[in-house]
Amino acid sequence: MRQGEIWVNRDLAGILTEDEEGYHFTYSSEYLLLANAVPVSLTLPLQEEVFHSVFLFPFFDGLIPEGWLLDIAQKNWKLNARDRMGLLLATCKDCIGNISIIPLRP
């Protein structure tokens, strides 16, 4: 199982988990109580229920670099292009925009 903290601006919005059943995203209860809480994505609206998907959610997959930047990440960190969660955790600590993904260590 691999997990990453999903940060919006400087607020911990939730946790993204990959396990044998697929992907799960859960907003933190503290984040949901913030007056300025915004959804991570329009496809992941603010809610207490867990989001489930067999594939990496398109919003998170869209954060992964492409082209020459992906080539550099793959070569330097020896990452598999098919390991979308691995790429997300390795390359999206400081994304363009207001989202950051910080890997959680087991």
C-alpha atoms as a PDB file:
ATOM      1  CA  MET A   1       0.000   0.000   0.000  1.00  0.00           C
ATOM      2  CA  ARG A   2       1.273   3.460  -0.910  1.00  0.00           C
ATOM      3  CA  GLN A   3      -0.111   6.759   0.306  1.00  0.00           C
ATOM      4  CA  GLY A   4       0.364  10.440  -0.282  1.00  0.00           C
ATOM      5  CA  GLU A   5      -0.807  13.521   1.552  1.00  0.00           C
ATOM      6  CA  ILE A   6      -2.706  15.883  -0.716  1.00  0.00           C
ATOM      7  CA  TRP A   7      -2.096  19.528   0.188  1.00  0.00           C
ATOM      8  CA  VAL A   8      -4.094  22.469  -1.149  1.00  0.00           C
ATOM      9  CA  ASN A   9      -2.107  25.640  -0.624  1.00  0.00           C
ATOM     10  CA  ARG A  10      -0.821  25.071   2.930  1.00  0.00           C
ATOM     11  CA  ASP A  11      -3.714  22.924   4.156  1.00  0.00           C
ATOM     12  CA  LEU A  12      -3.702  19.136   4.343  1.00  0.00           C
ATOM     13  CA  ALA A  13      -6.763  18.300   2.245  1.00  0.00           C
ATOM     14  CA  GLY A  14      -6.675  14.522   2.431  1.00  0.00           C
ATOM     15  CA  ILE A  15      -4.953  11.234   1.741  1.00  0.00           C
ATOM     16  CA  LEU A  16      -4.624   9.354  -1.550  1.00  0.00           C
ATOM     17  CA  THR A  17      -4.123   5.603  -1.127  1.00  0.00           C
ATOM     18  CA  GLU A  18      -3.195   2.878  -3.592  1.00  0.00           C
ATOM     19  CA  ASP A  19      -3.837  -0.724  -2.525  1.00  0.00           C
ATOM     20  CA  GLU A  20      -4.741  -4.046  -4.121  1.00  0.00           C
ATOM     21  CA  GLU A  21      -8.322  -2.834  -4.707  1.00  0.00           C
ATOM     22  CA  GLY A  22      -7.327   0.362  -6.533  1.00  0.00           C
ATOM     23  CA  TYR A  23      -7.200   4.004  -5.476  1.00  0.00           C
ATOM     24  CA  HIS A  24      -8.990   5.818  -2.678  1.00  0.00           C
ATOM     25  CA  PHE A  25      -9.101   9.494  -1.824  1.00  0.00           C
ATOM     26  CA  THR A  26     -10.434  10.802   1.484  1.00  0.00           C
ATOM     27  CA  TYR A  27     -10.709  14.421   2.576  1.00  0.00           C
ATOM     28  CA  SER A  28      -9.492  15.048   6.119  1.00  0.00           C
ATOM     29  CA  SER A  29     -12.246  15.967   8.554  1.00  0.00           C
ATOM     30  CA  GLU A  30     -10.240  19.035   9.641  1.00  0.00           C
ATOM     31  CA  TYR A  31     -10.011  20.262   6.057  1.00  0.00           C
ATOM     32  CA  LEU A  32     -13.746  19.865   5.515  1.00  0.00           C
ATOM     33  CA  LEU A  33     -14.364  22.143   8.527  1.00  0.00           C
ATOM     34  CA  LEU A  34     -12.245  25.005   7.130  1.00  0.00           C
ATOM     35  CA  ALA A  35     -14.209  28.032   5.954  1.00  0.00           C
ATOM     36  CA  ASN A  36     -11.873  28.398   2.956  1.00  0.00           C
ATOM     37  CA  ALA A  37     -11.847  24.688   1.970  1.00  0.00           C
ATOM     38  CA  VAL A  38     -11.987  24.151  -1.768  1.00  0.00           C
ATOM     39  CA  PRO A  39     -12.268  20.850  -3.626  1.00  0.00           C
ATOM     40  CA  VAL A  40      -9.026  19.346  -4.888  1.00  0.00           C
ATOM     41  CA  SER A  41     -10.804  19.035  -8.231  1.00  0.00           C
ATOM     42  CA  LEU A  42     -14.275  19.532  -9.653  1.00  0.00           C
ATOM     43  CA  THR A  43     -14.386  15.747 -10.054  1.00  0.00           C
ATOM     44  CA  LEU A  44     -13.598  15.292  -6.332  1.00  0.00           C
ATOM     45  CA  PRO A  45     -16.122  17.552  -4.575  1.00  0.00           C
ATOM     46  CA  LEU A  46     -15.909  18.168  -0.843  1.00  0.00           C
ATOM     47  CA  GLN A  47     -17.500  15.237   0.980  1.00  0.00           C
ATOM     48  CA  GLU A  48     -16.914  12.941   3.931  1.00  0.00           C
ATOM     49  CA  GLU A  49     -17.347   9.734   1.909  1.00  0.00           C
ATOM     50  CA  VAL A  50     -14.305   8.061   0.376  1.00  0.00           C
ATOM     51  CA  PHE A  51     -13.799   8.241  -3.396  1.00  0.00           C
ATOM     52  CA  HIS A  52     -12.868   4.902  -5.020  1.00  0.00           C
ATOM     53  CA  SER A  53     -11.423   4.116  -8.449  1.00  0.00           C
ATOM     54  CA  VAL A  54      -9.807   1.137 -10.152  1.00  0.00           C
ATOM     55  CA  PHE A  55      -7.471   3.548 -11.981  1.00  0.00           C
ATOM     56  CA  LEU A  56      -5.615   6.590 -10.683  1.00  0.00           C
ATOM     57  CA  PHE A  57      -8.105   9.457 -10.581  1.00  0.00           C
ATOM     58  CA  PRO A  58      -7.760  11.513 -13.801  1.00  0.00           C
ATOM     59  CA  PHE A  59      -7.091  14.715 -11.844  1.00  0.00           C
ATOM     60  CA  PHE A  60      -4.062  13.208 -10.095  1.00  0.00           C
ATOM     61  CA  ASP A  61      -2.865  11.466 -13.256  1.00  0.00           C
ATOM     62  CA  GLY A  62      -2.954  14.850 -14.999  1.00  0.00           C
ATOM     63  CA  LEU A  63      -0.449  16.242 -12.496  1.00  0.00           C
ATOM     64  CA  ILE A  64       2.263  13.805 -13.618  1.00  0.00           C
ATOM     65  CA  PRO A  65       4.812  15.426 -15.951  1.00  0.00           C
ATOM     66  CA  GLU A  66       4.848  14.529 -19.629  1.00  0.00           C
ATOM     67  CA  GLY A  67       7.342  14.564 -22.466  1.00  0.00           C
ATOM     68  CA  TRP A  68      10.955  15.450 -21.803  1.00  0.00           C
ATOM     69  CA  LEU A  69      10.277  16.202 -18.127  1.00  0.00           C
ATOM     70  CA  LEU A  70       8.840  12.708 -17.647  1.00  0.00           C
ATOM     71  CA  ASP A  71      11.861  11.251 -19.460  1.00  0.00           C
ATOM     72  CA  ILE A  72      14.207  13.018 -17.050  1.00  0.00           C
ATOM     73  CA  ALA A  73      12.238  11.800 -14.012  1.00  0.00           C
ATOM     74  CA  GLN A  74      12.214   8.227 -15.297  1.00  0.00           C
ATOM     75  CA  LYS A  75      15.942   8.195 -15.981  1.00  0.00           C
ATOM     76  CA  ASN A  76      17.074   9.975 -12.801  1.00  0.00           C
ATOM     77  CA  TRP A  77      14.793   8.099 -10.391  1.00  0.00           C
ATOM     78  CA  LYS A  78      14.550   4.885 -12.428  1.00  0.00           C
ATOM     79  CA  LEU A  79      10.750   5.026 -12.457  1.00  0.00           C
ATOM     80  CA  ASN A  80       8.440   2.909 -14.583  1.00  0.00           C
ATOM     81  CA  ALA A  81       6.168   4.979 -16.849  1.00  0.00           C
ATOM     82  CA  ARG A  82       3.309   2.572 -16.065  1.00  0.00           C
ATOM     83  CA  ASP A  83       3.647   3.087 -12.304  1.00  0.00           C
ATOM     84  CA  ARG A  84       1.398   6.134 -12.158  1.00  0.00           C
ATOM     85  CA  MET A  85       1.266   6.295  -8.338  1.00  0.00           C
ATOM     86  CA  GLY A  86       5.064   6.019  -8.147  1.00  0.00           C
ATOM     87  CA  LEU A  87       5.432   8.837 -10.664  1.00  0.00           C
ATOM     88  CA  LEU A  88       2.889  10.973  -8.812  1.00  0.00           C
ATOM     89  CA  LEU A  89       4.614  10.502  -5.449  1.00  0.00           C
ATOM     90  CA  ALA A  90       8.083  11.126  -6.896  1.00  0.00           C
ATOM     91  CA  THR A  91       7.361  14.142  -9.089  1.00  0.00           C
ATOM     92  CA  CYS A  92       4.460  16.078  -7.594  1.00  0.00           C
ATOM     93  CA  LYS A  93       5.811  17.462  -4.333  1.00  0.00           C
ATOM     94  CA  ASP A  94       5.798  20.904  -5.889  1.00  0.00           C
ATOM     95  CA  CYS A  95       3.293  20.952  -8.758  1.00  0.00           C
ATOM     96  CA  ILE A  96       2.269  23.914 -10.805  1.00  0.00           C
ATOM     97  CA  GLY A  97      -0.781  25.396  -9.100  1.00  0.00           C
ATOM     98  CA  ASN A  98      -1.919  24.966  -5.531  1.00  0.00           C
ATOM     99  CA  ILE A  99      -1.607  21.171  -5.147  1.00  0.00           C
ATOM    100  CA  SER A 100       1.308  19.330  -3.499  1.00  0.00           C
ATOM    101  CA  ILE A 101       1.619  15.619  -2.915  1.00  0.00           C
ATOM    102  CA  ILE A 102       3.860  14.399  -0.123  1.00  0.00           C
ATOM    103  CA  PRO A 103       4.576  10.659   0.076  1.00  0.00           C
ATOM    104  CA  LEU A 104       3.695   8.952   3.353  1.00  0.00           C
ATOM    105  CA  ARG A 105       6.191   6.364   4.490  1.00  0.00           C
ATOM    106  CA  PRO A 106       4.845   3.094   5.932  1.00  0.00           C
END
